[in-house]
Amino acid sequence: MVKFSSYNAEFLKYKDIHAGKSGTLLAPGPSLDRWQPNSFSDVNVGLSWVIKRQDIVDNLHYFFFGSGYHYVHRTGSHDDGADFYRDKIKCMPTSIKKFASSYRDGEPTGYGNITPEASVAIGAMPFDCQPPTANSKFVADIDAYMVLGMSIVFPALQFMLYTGLTTIYLVGCDSGGDHAYMWKGVRAFIDKEYPNTNIVSINPEALKGVFTDEYT
């Protein structure tokens, strides 16, 4: 079922703020390496490990991150890149608005998520995110309900749609497998709630044929 959010009211300030503009969603999939950022969109949104590319960070307006901030997984392992990742996020210029996902009302998930309190401390907005279940679904009113997650790409895309962008380019969004059925759900959701928004996959791999494909 769709759950009410404890934090997401802050999204209201972004409702239709970018109406009529284009946006690019930059994810760290393999096809990102084949994309040349010679022309960014009006609005650029980055995810997780795109943070390694300074040319992208320099052009971001928004940044979304979730699991992996501490890189403490259910196995108890610790990734050597955790300090680099946290430092890069903390040191982002204030011109980039940061959003941090909090699953299950901020309770630990075992994947190294940052807490809501720690999010605020580094200048990030915590938002409620729920994993997909048989009864959960994508929502247009992200200011009132938990956004649907599993991968941070889905909350970021729901946010971009919420801001009123009319064209959204997907770059490095190569996740397939367990995420494939969610992308089909995204397509159905967009067709229903945002029929005038054009979604373009740049050099798609797993997303080939889901949206409009464009190759560079």
N, C-alpha and C. Protein backbone atom coordinates (compact mmCIF):
# COMPACT_ATOMS: atom_id res chain seq x y z
N MET A 1 0.84 -1.19 0.00
CA MET A 1 0.00 0.00 0.00
C MET A 1 0.89 1.25 0.00
N VAL A 2 0.34 2.35 -0.50
CA VAL A 2 1.05 3.62 -0.50
C VAL A 2 1.01 4.20 0.90
N LYS A 3 2.16 4.61 1.42
CA LYS A 3 2.24 5.11 2.79
C LYS A 3 2.48 6.61 2.82
N PHE A 4 1.88 7.26 3.83
CA PHE A 4 2.13 8.67 4.02
C PHE A 4 3.57 8.90 4.44
N SER A 5 4.09 10.07 4.12
CA SER A 5 5.48 10.39 4.40
C SER A 5 5.63 11.26 5.65
N SER A 6 6.74 11.04 6.35
CA SER A 6 7.07 11.85 7.52
C SER A 6 7.86 13.09 7.16
N TYR A 7 8.55 13.09 6.01
CA TYR A 7 9.48 14.16 5.66
C TYR A 7 9.18 14.88 4.34
N ASN A 8 8.41 14.28 3.47
CA ASN A 8 8.40 14.71 2.08
C ASN A 8 7.68 16.01 1.76
N ALA A 9 7.10 16.66 2.76
CA ALA A 9 6.40 17.91 2.50
C ALA A 9 7.34 18.97 1.92
N GLU A 10 8.64 18.85 2.19
CA GLU A 10 9.59 19.83 1.66
C GLU A 10 9.67 19.79 0.14
N PHE A 11 9.24 18.69 -0.46
CA PHE A 11 9.22 18.61 -1.91
C PHE A 11 8.28 19.66 -2.53
N LEU A 12 7.33 20.15 -1.76
CA LEU A 12 6.34 21.09 -2.29
C LEU A 12 6.97 22.30 -2.96
N LYS A 13 8.11 22.74 -2.45
CA LYS A 13 8.75 23.93 -3.03
C LYS A 13 9.26 23.68 -4.45
N TYR A 14 9.32 22.40 -4.86
CA TYR A 14 9.81 22.06 -6.20
C TYR A 14 8.70 21.71 -7.18
N LYS A 15 7.45 21.77 -6.74
CA LYS A 15 6.32 21.41 -7.59
C LYS A 15 6.29 22.31 -8.83
N ASP A 16 6.45 21.71 -10.02
CA ASP A 16 6.40 22.41 -11.31
C ASP A 16 7.40 23.55 -11.43
N ILE A 17 8.46 23.52 -10.62
CA ILE A 17 9.44 24.61 -10.64
C ILE A 17 10.20 24.68 -11.96
N HIS A 18 10.28 23.54 -12.67
CA HIS A 18 11.01 23.51 -13.95
C HIS A 18 10.08 23.23 -15.13
N ALA A 19 8.84 23.68 -15.01
CA ALA A 19 7.85 23.43 -16.07
C ALA A 19 8.33 23.94 -17.42
N GLY A 20 8.23 23.07 -18.43
CA GLY A 20 8.59 23.44 -19.79
C GLY A 20 10.06 23.28 -20.12
N LYS A 21 10.88 22.88 -19.16
CA LYS A 21 12.31 22.74 -19.39
C LYS A 21 12.71 21.28 -19.62
N SER A 22 13.97 21.08 -20.01
CA SER A 22 14.49 19.73 -20.20
C SER A 22 15.42 19.37 -19.05
N GLY A 23 15.54 18.09 -18.78
CA GLY A 23 16.41 17.63 -17.71
C GLY A 23 17.15 16.37 -18.10
N THR A 24 18.31 16.16 -17.47
CA THR A 24 19.09 14.95 -17.69
C THR A 24 19.31 14.24 -16.36
N LEU A 25 19.00 12.96 -16.34
CA LEU A 25 19.23 12.12 -15.16
C LEU A 25 20.48 11.29 -15.41
N LEU A 26 21.50 11.50 -14.60
CA LEU A 26 22.80 10.88 -14.81
C LEU A 26 23.06 9.80 -13.76
N ALA A 27 23.07 8.55 -14.21
CA ALA A 27 23.31 7.40 -13.34
C ALA A 27 24.67 6.80 -13.69
N PRO A 28 25.27 6.02 -12.77
CA PRO A 28 26.63 5.51 -12.99
C PRO A 28 26.74 4.21 -13.76
N GLY A 29 25.76 3.91 -14.63
CA GLY A 29 25.83 2.69 -15.43
C GLY A 29 26.91 2.76 -16.49
N PRO A 30 27.26 1.62 -17.12
CA PRO A 30 28.34 1.56 -18.11
C PRO A 30 28.18 2.53 -19.27
N SER A 31 26.95 2.78 -19.71
CA SER A 31 26.76 3.65 -20.87
C SER A 31 27.11 5.11 -20.56
N LEU A 32 27.28 5.45 -19.29
CA LEU A 32 27.70 6.81 -18.95
C LEU A 32 29.03 7.15 -19.59
N ASP A 33 29.89 6.14 -19.74
CA ASP A 33 31.22 6.37 -20.32
C ASP A 33 31.14 6.71 -21.81
N ARG A 34 30.02 6.39 -22.46
CA ARG A 34 29.86 6.68 -23.88
C ARG A 34 29.13 8.00 -24.12
N TRP A 35 28.82 8.68 -23.03
CA TRP A 35 28.11 9.95 -23.14
C TRP A 35 29.09 11.10 -22.96
N GLN A 36 29.11 11.98 -23.92
CA GLN A 36 29.99 13.14 -23.87
C GLN A 36 29.19 14.37 -23.44
N PRO A 37 29.51 14.93 -22.28
CA PRO A 37 28.72 16.05 -21.76
C PRO A 37 29.04 17.38 -22.43
N ASN A 38 28.90 17.42 -23.75
CA ASN A 38 29.19 18.67 -24.44
C ASN A 38 28.01 19.64 -24.38
N SER A 39 26.85 19.15 -23.98
CA SER A 39 25.71 20.04 -23.78
C SER A 39 24.79 19.44 -22.73
N PHE A 40 24.80 20.05 -21.55
CA PHE A 40 23.92 19.61 -20.49
C PHE A 40 22.52 20.17 -20.70
N SER A 41 21.56 19.64 -19.98
CA SER A 41 20.18 20.13 -20.07
C SER A 41 20.00 21.35 -19.17
N ASP A 42 18.77 21.87 -19.16
CA ASP A 42 18.46 22.98 -18.26
C ASP A 42 18.63 22.56 -16.81
N VAL A 43 18.26 21.31 -16.53
CA VAL A 43 18.30 20.78 -15.16
C VAL A 43 19.02 19.44 -15.18
N ASN A 44 20.06 19.30 -14.34
CA ASN A 44 20.85 18.07 -14.33
C ASN A 44 20.83 17.44 -12.94
N VAL A 45 20.47 16.16 -12.92
CA VAL A 45 20.32 15.43 -11.66
C VAL A 45 21.29 14.25 -11.66
N GLY A 46 22.12 14.16 -10.64
CA GLY A 46 23.11 13.08 -10.55
C GLY A 46 22.75 12.08 -9.47
N LEU A 47 23.23 10.85 -9.65
CA LEU A 47 22.98 9.77 -8.70
C LEU A 47 24.29 9.14 -8.24
N SER A 48 24.38 8.87 -6.97
CA SER A 48 25.43 8.06 -6.36
C SER A 48 26.81 8.27 -6.98
N TRP A 49 27.35 7.24 -7.66
CA TRP A 49 28.76 7.26 -8.06
C TRP A 49 29.08 8.08 -9.30
N VAL A 50 28.13 8.84 -9.85
CA VAL A 50 28.54 9.82 -10.86
C VAL A 50 29.41 10.88 -10.21
N ILE A 51 29.43 10.84 -8.88
CA ILE A 51 30.22 11.79 -8.10
C ILE A 51 31.72 11.68 -8.40
N LYS A 52 32.12 10.57 -9.02
CA LYS A 52 33.55 10.40 -9.38
C LYS A 52 33.95 11.26 -10.56
N ARG A 53 32.97 11.73 -11.32
CA ARG A 53 33.27 12.55 -12.49
C ARG A 53 33.04 14.03 -12.18
N GLN A 54 34.13 14.74 -12.01
CA GLN A 54 34.02 16.15 -11.63
C GLN A 54 33.36 16.99 -12.71
N ASP A 55 33.53 16.59 -13.99
CA ASP A 55 32.89 17.35 -15.06
C ASP A 55 31.38 17.30 -14.95
N ILE A 56 30.86 16.19 -14.39
CA ILE A 56 29.42 16.08 -14.16
C ILE A 56 29.02 16.85 -12.92
N VAL A 57 29.76 16.66 -11.84
CA VAL A 57 29.44 17.36 -10.59
C VAL A 57 29.38 18.87 -10.80
N ASP A 58 30.29 19.38 -11.62
CA ASP A 58 30.35 20.83 -11.86
C ASP A 58 29.09 21.37 -12.54
N ASN A 59 28.27 20.49 -13.11
CA ASN A 59 27.09 20.93 -13.83
C ASN A 59 25.78 20.45 -13.20
N LEU A 60 25.86 19.88 -12.01
CA LEU A 60 24.66 19.36 -11.36
C LEU A 60 23.85 20.45 -10.66
N HIS A 61 22.54 20.24 -10.66
CA HIS A 61 21.63 21.07 -9.87
C HIS A 61 21.11 20.30 -8.66
N TYR A 62 20.96 18.97 -8.84
CA TYR A 62 20.45 18.12 -7.77
C TYR A 62 21.29 16.83 -7.71
N PHE A 63 21.35 16.25 -6.50
CA PHE A 63 22.07 14.99 -6.32
C PHE A 63 21.28 14.11 -5.36
N PHE A 64 21.02 12.86 -5.77
CA PHE A 64 20.29 11.89 -4.95
C PHE A 64 21.22 10.75 -4.54
N PHE A 65 21.15 10.37 -3.27
CA PHE A 65 21.91 9.22 -2.81
C PHE A 65 21.13 8.49 -1.73
N GLY A 66 21.48 7.22 -1.53
CA GLY A 66 20.78 6.41 -0.54
C GLY A 66 21.71 5.39 0.06
N SER A 67 21.48 4.12 -0.21
CA SER A 67 22.34 3.08 0.35
C SER A 67 23.77 3.25 -0.16
N GLY A 68 24.72 2.90 0.71
CA GLY A 68 26.12 3.02 0.32
C GLY A 68 26.84 4.18 0.95
N TYR A 69 26.12 5.05 1.65
CA TYR A 69 26.79 6.21 2.25
C TYR A 69 27.86 5.77 3.24
N HIS A 70 27.57 4.72 4.01
CA HIS A 70 28.55 4.16 4.94
C HIS A 70 29.14 2.84 4.44
N TYR A 71 28.54 2.30 3.39
CA TYR A 71 28.99 1.03 2.81
C TYR A 71 29.08 -0.09 3.83
N VAL A 72 28.17 -0.10 4.76
CA VAL A 72 28.05 -1.22 5.69
C VAL A 72 26.86 -2.03 5.21
N HIS A 73 27.16 -3.22 4.68
CA HIS A 73 26.11 -4.05 4.11
C HIS A 73 25.65 -5.10 5.14
N ARG A 74 24.69 -5.88 4.74
CA ARG A 74 24.18 -6.91 5.64
C ARG A 74 25.27 -7.91 6.03
N THR A 75 26.28 -8.03 5.20
CA THR A 75 27.37 -8.95 5.51
C THR A 75 28.33 -8.35 6.55
N GLY A 76 28.19 -7.05 6.81
CA GLY A 76 29.10 -6.40 7.75
C GLY A 76 30.36 -5.90 7.11
N SER A 77 30.48 -6.03 5.78
CA SER A 77 31.70 -5.61 5.09
C SER A 77 31.74 -4.09 4.97
N HIS A 78 32.93 -3.57 4.78
CA HIS A 78 33.13 -2.11 4.65
C HIS A 78 33.92 -1.86 3.39
N ASP A 79 33.39 -1.02 2.52
CA ASP A 79 34.04 -0.74 1.25
C ASP A 79 35.11 0.33 1.44
N ASP A 80 36.26 0.14 0.80
CA ASP A 80 37.36 1.09 0.93
C ASP A 80 37.03 2.46 0.37
N GLY A 81 36.02 2.54 -0.50
CA GLY A 81 35.67 3.82 -1.10
C GLY A 81 34.69 4.64 -0.27
N ALA A 82 34.31 4.15 0.90
CA ALA A 82 33.29 4.83 1.70
C ALA A 82 33.72 6.24 2.10
N ASP A 83 34.96 6.39 2.54
CA ASP A 83 35.43 7.71 2.99
C ASP A 83 35.43 8.70 1.83
N PHE A 84 35.88 8.26 0.65
CA PHE A 84 35.88 9.11 -0.53
C PHE A 84 34.46 9.54 -0.87
N TYR A 85 33.55 8.59 -0.86
CA TYR A 85 32.16 8.84 -1.23
C TYR A 85 31.52 9.86 -0.28
N ARG A 86 31.69 9.64 1.03
CA ARG A 86 31.11 10.56 2.00
C ARG A 86 31.71 11.95 1.89
N ASP A 87 33.03 12.01 1.73
CA ASP A 87 33.69 13.32 1.64
C ASP A 87 33.21 14.10 0.42
N LYS A 88 33.06 13.41 -0.71
CA LYS A 88 32.61 14.08 -1.92
C LYS A 88 31.19 14.65 -1.74
N ILE A 89 30.34 13.88 -1.09
CA ILE A 89 28.97 14.34 -0.86
C ILE A 89 28.96 15.52 0.11
N LYS A 90 29.73 15.42 1.18
CA LYS A 90 29.77 16.50 2.17
C LYS A 90 30.32 17.80 1.57
N CYS A 91 31.26 17.67 0.65
CA CYS A 91 31.94 18.85 0.10
C CYS A 91 31.30 19.42 -1.15
N MET A 92 30.16 18.89 -1.54
CA MET A 92 29.47 19.44 -2.71
C MET A 92 29.13 20.90 -2.46
N PRO A 93 29.21 21.73 -3.49
CA PRO A 93 28.84 23.14 -3.32
C PRO A 93 27.36 23.26 -2.95
N THR A 94 27.03 24.30 -2.21
CA THR A 94 25.66 24.49 -1.76
C THR A 94 24.70 24.76 -2.91
N SER A 95 25.23 25.04 -4.09
CA SER A 95 24.37 25.26 -5.27
C SER A 95 23.71 23.96 -5.72
N ILE A 96 24.24 22.81 -5.28
CA ILE A 96 23.66 21.51 -5.60
C ILE A 96 22.78 21.08 -4.43
N LYS A 97 21.49 20.91 -4.66
CA LYS A 97 20.60 20.45 -3.61
C LYS A 97 20.70 18.94 -3.50
N LYS A 98 20.98 18.45 -2.27
CA LYS A 98 21.16 17.03 -2.03
C LYS A 98 19.92 16.43 -1.37
N PHE A 99 19.58 15.20 -1.82
CA PHE A 99 18.45 14.46 -1.27
C PHE A 99 18.92 13.08 -0.84
N ALA A 100 18.56 12.67 0.37
CA ALA A 100 18.99 11.37 0.91
C ALA A 100 17.77 10.52 1.26
N SER A 101 17.72 9.30 0.75
CA SER A 101 16.56 8.44 0.99
C SER A 101 16.60 7.82 2.37
N SER A 102 15.42 7.71 2.96
CA SER A 102 15.27 7.05 4.27
C SER A 102 14.16 6.02 4.14
N TYR A 103 14.54 4.76 4.10
CA TYR A 103 13.57 3.69 3.99
C TYR A 103 12.90 3.43 5.32
N ARG A 104 11.66 2.98 5.29
CA ARG A 104 10.94 2.52 6.48
C ARG A 104 11.02 3.52 7.62
N ASP A 105 10.62 4.74 7.33
CA ASP A 105 10.60 5.80 8.34
C ASP A 105 11.97 6.03 8.96
N GLY A 106 13.01 5.88 8.17
CA GLY A 106 14.34 6.19 8.65
C GLY A 106 15.02 5.06 9.40
N GLU A 107 14.37 3.91 9.52
CA GLU A 107 15.00 2.80 10.23
C GLU A 107 16.15 2.23 9.40
N PRO A 108 17.18 1.69 10.06
CA PRO A 108 18.33 1.14 9.31
C PRO A 108 17.91 0.01 8.38
N THR A 109 18.48 0.00 7.19
CA THR A 109 18.17 -1.05 6.22
C THR A 109 19.28 -2.09 6.11
N GLY A 110 20.44 -1.79 6.69
CA GLY A 110 21.56 -2.71 6.56
C GLY A 110 22.41 -2.45 5.35
N TYR A 111 22.11 -1.39 4.60
CA TYR A 111 22.87 -1.07 3.39
C TYR A 111 23.63 0.24 3.52
N GLY A 112 23.80 0.72 4.73
CA GLY A 112 24.63 1.89 4.93
C GLY A 112 23.97 3.22 4.64
N ASN A 113 22.65 3.28 4.74
CA ASN A 113 21.95 4.55 4.51
C ASN A 113 22.30 5.56 5.60
N ILE A 114 22.29 6.81 5.23
CA ILE A 114 22.46 7.90 6.18
C ILE A 114 21.14 8.10 6.93
N THR A 115 21.21 8.53 8.18
CA THR A 115 19.99 8.77 8.95
C THR A 115 19.40 10.14 8.57
N PRO A 116 18.12 10.35 8.84
CA PRO A 116 17.53 11.66 8.55
C PRO A 116 18.26 12.80 9.26
N GLU A 117 18.63 12.58 10.53
CA GLU A 117 19.30 13.62 11.29
C GLU A 117 20.66 13.96 10.68
N ALA A 118 21.40 12.93 10.28
CA ALA A 118 22.71 13.15 9.66
C ALA A 118 22.57 13.79 8.29
N SER A 119 21.47 13.51 7.60
CA SER A 119 21.22 14.14 6.30
C SER A 119 21.12 15.65 6.46
N VAL A 120 20.33 16.07 7.42
CA VAL A 120 20.14 17.50 7.66
C VAL A 120 21.46 18.15 8.04
N ALA A 121 22.28 17.43 8.81
CA ALA A 121 23.55 17.98 9.27
C ALA A 121 24.51 18.29 8.12
N ILE A 122 24.39 17.58 6.99
CA ILE A 122 25.28 17.84 5.85
C ILE A 122 24.55 18.63 4.75
N GLY A 123 23.40 19.18 5.09
CA GLY A 123 22.68 20.01 4.13
C GLY A 123 21.86 19.26 3.12
N ALA A 124 21.51 18.01 3.42
CA ALA A 124 20.69 17.21 2.50
C ALA A 124 19.27 17.08 3.04
N MET A 125 18.31 17.00 2.15
CA MET A 125 16.93 16.77 2.56
C MET A 125 16.66 15.27 2.65
N PRO A 126 16.29 14.77 3.84
CA PRO A 126 15.89 13.36 3.93
C PRO A 126 14.48 13.19 3.37
N PHE A 127 14.26 12.11 2.64
CA PHE A 127 12.90 11.85 2.16
C PHE A 127 12.55 10.40 2.40
N ASP A 128 11.27 10.18 2.59
CA ASP A 128 10.76 8.83 2.84
C ASP A 128 10.69 8.05 1.55
N CYS A 129 11.20 6.84 1.60
CA CYS A 129 11.24 5.97 0.43
C CYS A 129 10.86 4.57 0.87
N GLN A 130 10.00 3.91 0.12
CA GLN A 130 9.62 2.55 0.48
C GLN A 130 10.01 1.57 -0.61
N PRO A 131 10.41 0.36 -0.21
CA PRO A 131 10.75 -0.65 -1.21
C PRO A 131 9.50 -1.15 -1.91
N PRO A 132 9.64 -1.69 -3.11
CA PRO A 132 8.47 -2.18 -3.83
C PRO A 132 7.86 -3.41 -3.18
N THR A 133 6.55 -3.42 -3.11
CA THR A 133 5.80 -4.58 -2.62
C THR A 133 4.66 -4.84 -3.59
N ALA A 134 3.89 -5.85 -3.30
CA ALA A 134 2.77 -6.19 -4.18
C ALA A 134 1.75 -5.05 -4.24
N ASN A 135 1.67 -4.24 -3.18
CA ASN A 135 0.66 -3.19 -3.13
C ASN A 135 1.20 -1.78 -3.26
N SER A 136 2.53 -1.61 -3.34
CA SER A 136 3.09 -0.27 -3.47
C SER A 136 3.07 0.15 -4.94
N LYS A 137 3.20 1.46 -5.15
CA LYS A 137 3.16 1.96 -6.52
C LYS A 137 3.84 3.32 -6.60
N PHE A 138 4.15 3.74 -7.82
CA PHE A 138 4.70 5.07 -8.03
C PHE A 138 3.61 6.10 -7.76
N VAL A 139 4.03 7.24 -7.22
CA VAL A 139 3.05 8.27 -6.87
C VAL A 139 3.45 9.61 -7.47
N ALA A 140 2.45 10.40 -7.84
CA ALA A 140 2.70 11.75 -8.34
C ALA A 140 2.83 12.74 -7.19
N ASP A 141 2.12 12.49 -6.08
CA ASP A 141 2.14 13.38 -4.93
C ASP A 141 3.28 13.00 -3.98
N ILE A 142 4.50 13.22 -4.42
CA ILE A 142 5.65 12.81 -3.61
C ILE A 142 5.83 13.69 -2.38
N ASP A 143 5.10 14.79 -2.31
CA ASP A 143 5.15 15.65 -1.13
C ASP A 143 4.32 15.09 0.02
N ALA A 144 3.44 14.14 -0.26
CA ALA A 144 2.56 13.58 0.76
C ALA A 144 2.82 12.10 1.04
N TYR A 145 3.28 11.37 0.03
CA TYR A 145 3.46 9.93 0.17
C TYR A 145 4.93 9.54 -0.02
N MET A 146 5.26 8.36 0.47
CA MET A 146 6.61 7.82 0.26
C MET A 146 6.82 7.55 -1.22
N VAL A 147 7.99 7.92 -1.72
CA VAL A 147 8.31 7.59 -3.11
C VAL A 147 8.73 6.13 -3.18
N LEU A 148 8.55 5.53 -4.33
CA LEU A 148 8.90 4.13 -4.51
C LEU A 148 10.37 4.02 -4.86
N GLY A 149 11.06 3.11 -4.20
CA GLY A 149 12.50 3.00 -4.39
C GLY A 149 12.95 1.68 -4.97
N MET A 150 13.90 1.04 -4.33
CA MET A 150 14.65 -0.15 -4.70
C MET A 150 15.99 0.28 -5.28
N SER A 151 15.97 1.17 -6.26
CA SER A 151 17.17 1.82 -6.76
C SER A 151 16.93 3.32 -6.66
N ILE A 152 17.97 4.09 -6.35
CA ILE A 152 17.83 5.53 -6.17
C ILE A 152 17.39 6.23 -7.46
N VAL A 153 17.54 5.57 -8.60
CA VAL A 153 17.12 6.16 -9.87
C VAL A 153 15.62 6.44 -9.88
N PHE A 154 14.83 5.61 -9.20
CA PHE A 154 13.37 5.78 -9.26
C PHE A 154 12.87 6.98 -8.46
N PRO A 155 13.35 7.20 -7.22
CA PRO A 155 12.97 8.45 -6.54
C PRO A 155 13.41 9.69 -7.32
N ALA A 156 14.61 9.66 -7.88
CA ALA A 156 15.10 10.83 -8.62
C ALA A 156 14.23 11.11 -9.84
N LEU A 157 13.82 10.07 -10.55
CA LEU A 157 12.98 10.26 -11.73
C LEU A 157 11.60 10.77 -11.33
N GLN A 158 11.04 10.24 -10.24
CA GLN A 158 9.75 10.74 -9.77
C GLN A 158 9.84 12.22 -9.40
N PHE A 159 10.96 12.62 -8.82
CA PHE A 159 11.19 14.03 -8.48
C PHE A 159 11.25 14.88 -9.74
N MET A 160 11.98 14.42 -10.74
CA MET A 160 12.11 15.19 -11.97
C MET A 160 10.75 15.39 -12.65
N LEU A 161 9.94 14.35 -12.66
CA LEU A 161 8.59 14.47 -13.22
C LEU A 161 7.77 15.47 -12.42
N TYR A 162 7.91 15.44 -11.14
CA TYR A 162 7.18 16.33 -10.23
C TYR A 162 7.52 17.79 -10.47
N THR A 163 8.76 18.06 -10.90
CA THR A 163 9.17 19.46 -11.13
C THR A 163 8.64 20.03 -12.43
N GLY A 164 7.99 19.22 -13.25
CA GLY A 164 7.35 19.71 -14.46
C GLY A 164 8.17 19.66 -15.72
N LEU A 165 9.31 18.98 -15.70
CA LEU A 165 10.14 18.87 -16.90
C LEU A 165 9.35 18.21 -18.03
N THR A 166 9.50 18.73 -19.25
CA THR A 166 8.75 18.17 -20.38
C THR A 166 9.56 17.15 -21.17
N THR A 167 10.89 17.20 -21.05
CA THR A 167 11.76 16.20 -21.67
C THR A 167 12.81 15.79 -20.66
N ILE A 168 12.96 14.48 -20.47
CA ILE A 168 13.95 13.96 -19.54
C ILE A 168 14.83 12.95 -20.26
N TYR A 169 16.13 13.20 -20.25
CA TYR A 169 17.10 12.30 -20.86
C TYR A 169 17.68 11.38 -19.78
N LEU A 170 17.70 10.10 -20.06
CA LEU A 170 18.26 9.11 -19.13
C LEU A 170 19.64 8.70 -19.61
N VAL A 171 20.64 8.93 -18.79
CA VAL A 171 22.02 8.59 -19.14
C VAL A 171 22.59 7.66 -18.07
N GLY A 172 23.18 6.55 -18.49
CA GLY A 172 23.77 5.61 -17.54
C GLY A 172 22.75 4.81 -16.75
N CYS A 173 21.50 4.81 -17.18
CA CYS A 173 20.45 4.04 -16.50
C CYS A 173 20.39 2.65 -17.12
N ASP A 174 21.32 1.81 -16.75
CA ASP A 174 21.49 0.50 -17.41
C ASP A 174 21.01 -0.67 -16.58
N SER A 175 20.39 -0.40 -15.44
CA SER A 175 20.00 -1.50 -14.56
C SER A 175 18.88 -2.32 -15.18
N GLY A 176 19.08 -3.61 -15.23
CA GLY A 176 18.07 -4.52 -15.73
C GLY A 176 17.73 -5.52 -14.64
N GLY A 177 17.61 -6.79 -14.98
CA GLY A 177 17.40 -7.83 -13.98
C GLY A 177 16.21 -7.54 -13.10
N ASP A 178 16.45 -7.44 -11.79
CA ASP A 178 15.38 -7.22 -10.82
C ASP A 178 14.68 -5.88 -11.01
N HIS A 179 15.35 -4.94 -11.68
CA HIS A 179 14.76 -3.62 -11.88
C HIS A 179 13.90 -3.53 -13.14
N ALA A 180 13.98 -4.53 -14.00
CA ALA A 180 13.31 -4.46 -15.29
C ALA A 180 11.80 -4.26 -15.14
N TYR A 181 11.18 -4.98 -14.22
CA TYR A 181 9.73 -4.86 -14.08
C TYR A 181 9.36 -3.48 -13.53
N MET A 182 10.27 -2.88 -12.75
CA MET A 182 9.98 -1.54 -12.23
C MET A 182 10.01 -0.50 -13.33
N TRP A 183 10.91 -0.68 -14.30
CA TRP A 183 10.95 0.27 -15.42
C TRP A 183 9.67 0.20 -16.24
N LYS A 184 9.11 -1.00 -16.37
CA LYS A 184 7.82 -1.12 -17.06
C LYS A 184 6.73 -0.39 -16.29
N GLY A 185 6.81 -0.48 -14.95
CA GLY A 185 5.87 0.24 -14.11
C GLY A 185 6.03 1.74 -14.24
N VAL A 186 7.28 2.20 -14.37
CA VAL A 186 7.55 3.62 -14.58
C VAL A 186 6.90 4.09 -15.87
N ARG A 187 7.07 3.32 -16.93
CA ARG A 187 6.50 3.70 -18.22
C ARG A 187 4.98 3.85 -18.12
N ALA A 188 4.33 2.89 -17.47
CA ALA A 188 2.87 2.96 -17.32
C ALA A 188 2.46 4.16 -16.47
N PHE A 189 3.24 4.43 -15.43
CA PHE A 189 2.97 5.56 -14.54
C PHE A 189 3.10 6.89 -15.29
N ILE A 190 4.15 7.03 -16.09
CA ILE A 190 4.35 8.27 -16.85
C ILE A 190 3.26 8.45 -17.89
N ASP A 191 2.90 7.37 -18.57
CA ASP A 191 1.85 7.46 -19.59
C ASP A 191 0.53 7.95 -18.98
N LYS A 192 0.28 7.57 -17.72
CA LYS A 192 -0.96 7.94 -17.06
C LYS A 192 -0.90 9.34 -16.45
N GLU A 193 0.17 9.61 -15.69
CA GLU A 193 0.25 10.84 -14.89
C GLU A 193 0.95 12.00 -15.62
N TYR A 194 1.85 11.68 -16.53
CA TYR A 194 2.62 12.72 -17.22
C TYR A 194 2.65 12.43 -18.73
N PRO A 195 1.49 12.37 -19.37
CA PRO A 195 1.43 11.96 -20.79
C PRO A 195 2.15 12.92 -21.74
N ASN A 196 2.39 14.14 -21.32
CA ASN A 196 3.05 15.11 -22.18
C ASN A 196 4.55 15.21 -21.94
N THR A 197 5.08 14.33 -21.10
CA THR A 197 6.52 14.32 -20.82
C THR A 197 7.20 13.27 -21.69
N ASN A 198 8.24 13.68 -22.38
CA ASN A 198 8.98 12.79 -23.26
C ASN A 198 10.21 12.26 -22.54
N ILE A 199 10.36 10.94 -22.48
CA ILE A 199 11.51 10.31 -21.84
C ILE A 199 12.41 9.72 -22.93
N VAL A 200 13.68 10.10 -22.92
CA VAL A 200 14.63 9.67 -23.95
C VAL A 200 15.79 8.93 -23.29
N SER A 201 16.01 7.69 -23.69
CA SER A 201 17.15 6.91 -23.19
C SER A 201 18.33 7.12 -24.12
N ILE A 202 19.46 7.57 -23.56
CA ILE A 202 20.66 7.80 -24.35
C ILE A 202 21.54 6.55 -24.31
N ASN A 203 21.83 5.99 -25.48
CA ASN A 203 22.64 4.77 -25.60
C ASN A 203 22.15 3.66 -24.66
N PRO A 204 20.86 3.33 -24.73
CA PRO A 204 20.30 2.38 -23.76
C PRO A 204 20.84 0.97 -23.91
N GLU A 205 20.94 0.31 -22.78
CA GLU A 205 21.29 -1.12 -22.75
C GLU A 205 20.05 -1.88 -22.25
N ALA A 206 19.88 -1.98 -20.94
CA ALA A 206 18.73 -2.69 -20.39
C ALA A 206 17.41 -1.99 -20.73
N LEU A 207 17.43 -0.68 -20.96
CA LEU A 207 16.20 0.07 -21.21
C LEU A 207 15.83 0.17 -22.69
N LYS A 208 16.54 -0.52 -23.54
CA LYS A 208 16.26 -0.45 -24.97
C LYS A 208 14.81 -0.80 -25.25
N GLY A 209 14.12 0.11 -25.94
CA GLY A 209 12.75 -0.12 -26.32
C GLY A 209 11.71 0.28 -25.28
N VAL A 210 12.13 0.67 -24.08
CA VAL A 210 11.18 1.07 -23.04
C VAL A 210 10.67 2.49 -23.29
N PHE A 211 11.58 3.39 -23.63
CA PHE A 211 11.23 4.77 -23.94
C PHE A 211 11.72 5.10 -25.35
N THR A 212 11.85 6.37 -25.68
CA THR A 212 12.46 6.76 -26.94
C THR A 212 13.96 6.56 -26.86
N ASP A 213 14.53 5.81 -27.80
CA ASP A 213 15.97 5.52 -27.78
C ASP A 213 16.73 6.50 -28.66
N GLU A 214 17.88 6.95 -28.16
CA GLU A 214 18.73 7.85 -28.95
C GLU A 214 20.18 7.43 -28.75
N TYR A 215 20.89 7.29 -29.85
CA TYR A 215 22.28 6.83 -29.79
C TYR A 215 23.24 7.93 -30.25
N THR A 216 24.34 8.04 -29.54
CA THR A 216 25.35 9.06 -29.87
C THR A 216 26.63 8.40 -30.34
